[in-house]
N, C-alpha and C. Protein backbone atom coordinates (compact mmCIF):
# COMPACT_ATOMS: atom_id res chain seq x y z
N UNK A 1 8.65 -7.00 12.68
CA UNK A 1 9.03 -5.63 12.70
C UNK A 1 10.40 -5.54 12.02
N UNK A 2 10.62 -4.41 11.46
CA UNK A 2 11.91 -4.19 10.74
C UNK A 2 12.36 -2.77 10.64
N UNK A 3 13.36 -2.49 9.87
CA UNK A 3 13.89 -1.24 9.70
C UNK A 3 13.84 -0.91 8.12
N UNK A 4 13.41 0.25 7.77
CA UNK A 4 13.28 0.66 6.38
C UNK A 4 14.33 1.73 6.16
N UNK A 5 15.10 1.55 5.03
CA UNK A 5 16.04 2.56 4.54
C UNK A 5 15.48 3.11 3.21
N UNK A 6 15.31 4.44 3.19
CA UNK A 6 14.78 5.12 1.92
C UNK A 6 15.77 6.08 1.48
N UNK A 7 16.24 6.01 0.22
CA UNK A 7 17.11 6.99 -0.38
C UNK A 7 16.35 7.60 -1.53
N UNK A 8 16.20 8.94 -1.39
CA UNK A 8 15.50 9.63 -2.52
C UNK A 8 15.98 11.14 -2.56
N UNK A 9 16.37 11.49 -3.77
CA UNK A 9 16.81 12.93 -4.00
C UNK A 9 17.94 13.32 -3.05
N UNK A 10 18.93 12.49 -2.86
CA UNK A 10 20.15 12.75 -2.02
C UNK A 10 19.71 12.92 -0.53
N UNK A 11 18.65 12.33 -0.11
CA UNK A 11 18.23 12.27 1.24
C UNK A 11 18.02 10.85 1.73
N UNK A 12 18.50 10.53 2.91
CA UNK A 12 18.36 9.21 3.47
C UNK A 12 17.42 9.25 4.70
N UNK A 13 16.42 8.36 4.71
CA UNK A 13 15.47 8.24 5.79
C UNK A 13 15.55 6.85 6.35
N UNK A 14 15.58 6.74 7.64
CA UNK A 14 15.61 5.43 8.33
C UNK A 14 14.41 5.38 9.29
N UNK A 15 13.56 4.36 9.07
CA UNK A 15 12.38 4.19 9.88
C UNK A 15 12.52 2.89 10.65
N UNK A 16 12.55 2.88 11.90
CA UNK A 16 12.73 1.74 12.70
C UNK A 16 11.29 1.22 13.24
N UNK A 17 11.23 -0.07 13.57
CA UNK A 17 10.00 -0.68 14.15
C UNK A 17 8.78 -0.52 13.25
N UNK A 18 8.96 -0.94 12.02
CA UNK A 18 7.89 -0.87 10.99
C UNK A 18 7.56 -2.23 10.57
N UNK A 19 6.35 -2.52 10.31
CA UNK A 19 5.90 -3.83 9.92
C UNK A 19 6.20 -4.05 8.44
N UNK A 20 6.27 -5.26 7.99
CA UNK A 20 6.55 -5.52 6.50
C UNK A 20 5.34 -5.05 5.61
N UNK A 21 4.11 -5.14 6.15
CA UNK A 21 2.99 -4.65 5.30
C UNK A 21 3.05 -3.14 4.95
N UNK A 22 3.48 -2.36 6.07
CA UNK A 22 3.65 -0.91 5.73
C UNK A 22 4.80 -0.72 4.77
N UNK A 23 5.87 -1.44 4.91
CA UNK A 23 6.99 -1.36 3.95
C UNK A 23 6.46 -1.58 2.50
N UNK A 24 5.66 -2.68 2.35
CA UNK A 24 5.24 -3.01 1.04
C UNK A 24 4.23 -1.95 0.42
N UNK A 25 3.44 -1.26 1.32
CA UNK A 25 2.66 -0.12 0.92
C UNK A 25 3.54 1.02 0.40
N UNK A 26 4.66 1.28 1.14
CA UNK A 26 5.58 2.36 0.73
C UNK A 26 6.24 1.99 -0.54
N UNK A 27 6.63 0.69 -0.69
CA UNK A 27 7.34 0.31 -1.91
C UNK A 27 6.34 0.46 -3.13
N UNK A 28 5.15 0.07 -2.93
CA UNK A 28 4.14 0.13 -4.01
C UNK A 28 3.97 1.71 -4.39
N UNK A 29 3.92 2.58 -3.42
CA UNK A 29 3.74 4.01 -3.74
C UNK A 29 4.95 4.55 -4.49
N UNK A 30 6.09 4.00 -4.21
CA UNK A 30 7.38 4.49 -4.87
C UNK A 30 7.72 3.74 -6.14
N UNK A 31 6.84 2.82 -6.56
CA UNK A 31 7.25 1.95 -7.72
C UNK A 31 7.48 2.65 -9.03
N UNK A 32 6.84 3.81 -9.22
CA UNK A 32 6.94 4.64 -10.49
C UNK A 32 8.12 5.68 -10.34
N UNK A 33 8.66 5.76 -9.20
CA UNK A 33 9.78 6.79 -9.00
C UNK A 33 11.10 6.09 -9.19
N UNK A 34 11.71 6.33 -10.34
CA UNK A 34 13.08 5.73 -10.66
C UNK A 34 14.19 6.25 -9.78
N UNK A 35 14.07 7.41 -9.13
CA UNK A 35 15.14 7.93 -8.35
C UNK A 35 15.15 7.43 -6.91
N UNK A 36 14.19 6.72 -6.48
CA UNK A 36 14.04 6.29 -5.11
C UNK A 36 14.53 4.85 -4.97
N UNK A 37 15.27 4.62 -3.84
CA UNK A 37 15.71 3.21 -3.47
C UNK A 37 15.10 2.92 -2.09
N UNK A 38 14.45 1.84 -1.95
CA UNK A 38 13.83 1.49 -0.59
C UNK A 38 14.23 0.07 -0.21
N UNK A 39 14.60 -0.20 0.94
CA UNK A 39 15.00 -1.47 1.44
C UNK A 39 14.54 -1.77 2.84
N UNK A 40 14.10 -3.03 3.09
CA UNK A 40 13.61 -3.40 4.31
C UNK A 40 14.45 -4.49 4.95
N UNK A 41 14.87 -4.42 6.28
CA UNK A 41 15.61 -5.38 6.98
C UNK A 41 14.85 -5.75 8.19
N UNK A 42 14.67 -7.16 8.31
CA UNK A 42 13.89 -7.62 9.43
C UNK A 42 14.82 -7.58 10.76
N UNK A 43 14.20 -7.05 11.84
CA UNK A 43 14.86 -7.07 13.06
C UNK A 43 14.64 -8.42 13.81
N UNK A 44 15.74 -9.08 13.94
CA UNK A 44 15.57 -10.42 14.54
C UNK A 44 15.66 -10.34 16.07
N UNK A 45 16.28 -9.34 16.67
CA UNK A 45 16.35 -9.14 18.09
C UNK A 45 15.80 -7.69 18.38
N UNK A 46 14.58 -7.63 18.87
CA UNK A 46 13.95 -6.35 19.04
C UNK A 46 14.63 -5.48 20.13
N UNK A 47 15.34 -6.18 21.02
CA UNK A 47 16.02 -5.40 22.12
C UNK A 47 17.22 -4.64 21.56
N UNK A 48 17.85 -5.18 20.48
CA UNK A 48 19.02 -4.57 19.91
C UNK A 48 18.63 -3.51 18.78
N UNK A 49 17.57 -3.74 18.13
CA UNK A 49 17.18 -2.91 17.05
C UNK A 49 17.55 -3.52 15.72
N UNK A 50 18.39 -2.82 14.98
CA UNK A 50 18.92 -3.35 13.67
C UNK A 50 20.29 -3.77 13.88
């Protein structure tokens, strides 16, 4: 599980507790959008979060 940070059109979205497979699907969907930045961080301690 991890945390996704998505920056697109001056908006920031943070999604917590997401699996890497879902992140890769999102990244693939945004691959043609030059204005979007997406990053995934693995949560090593699920009790703490990110």
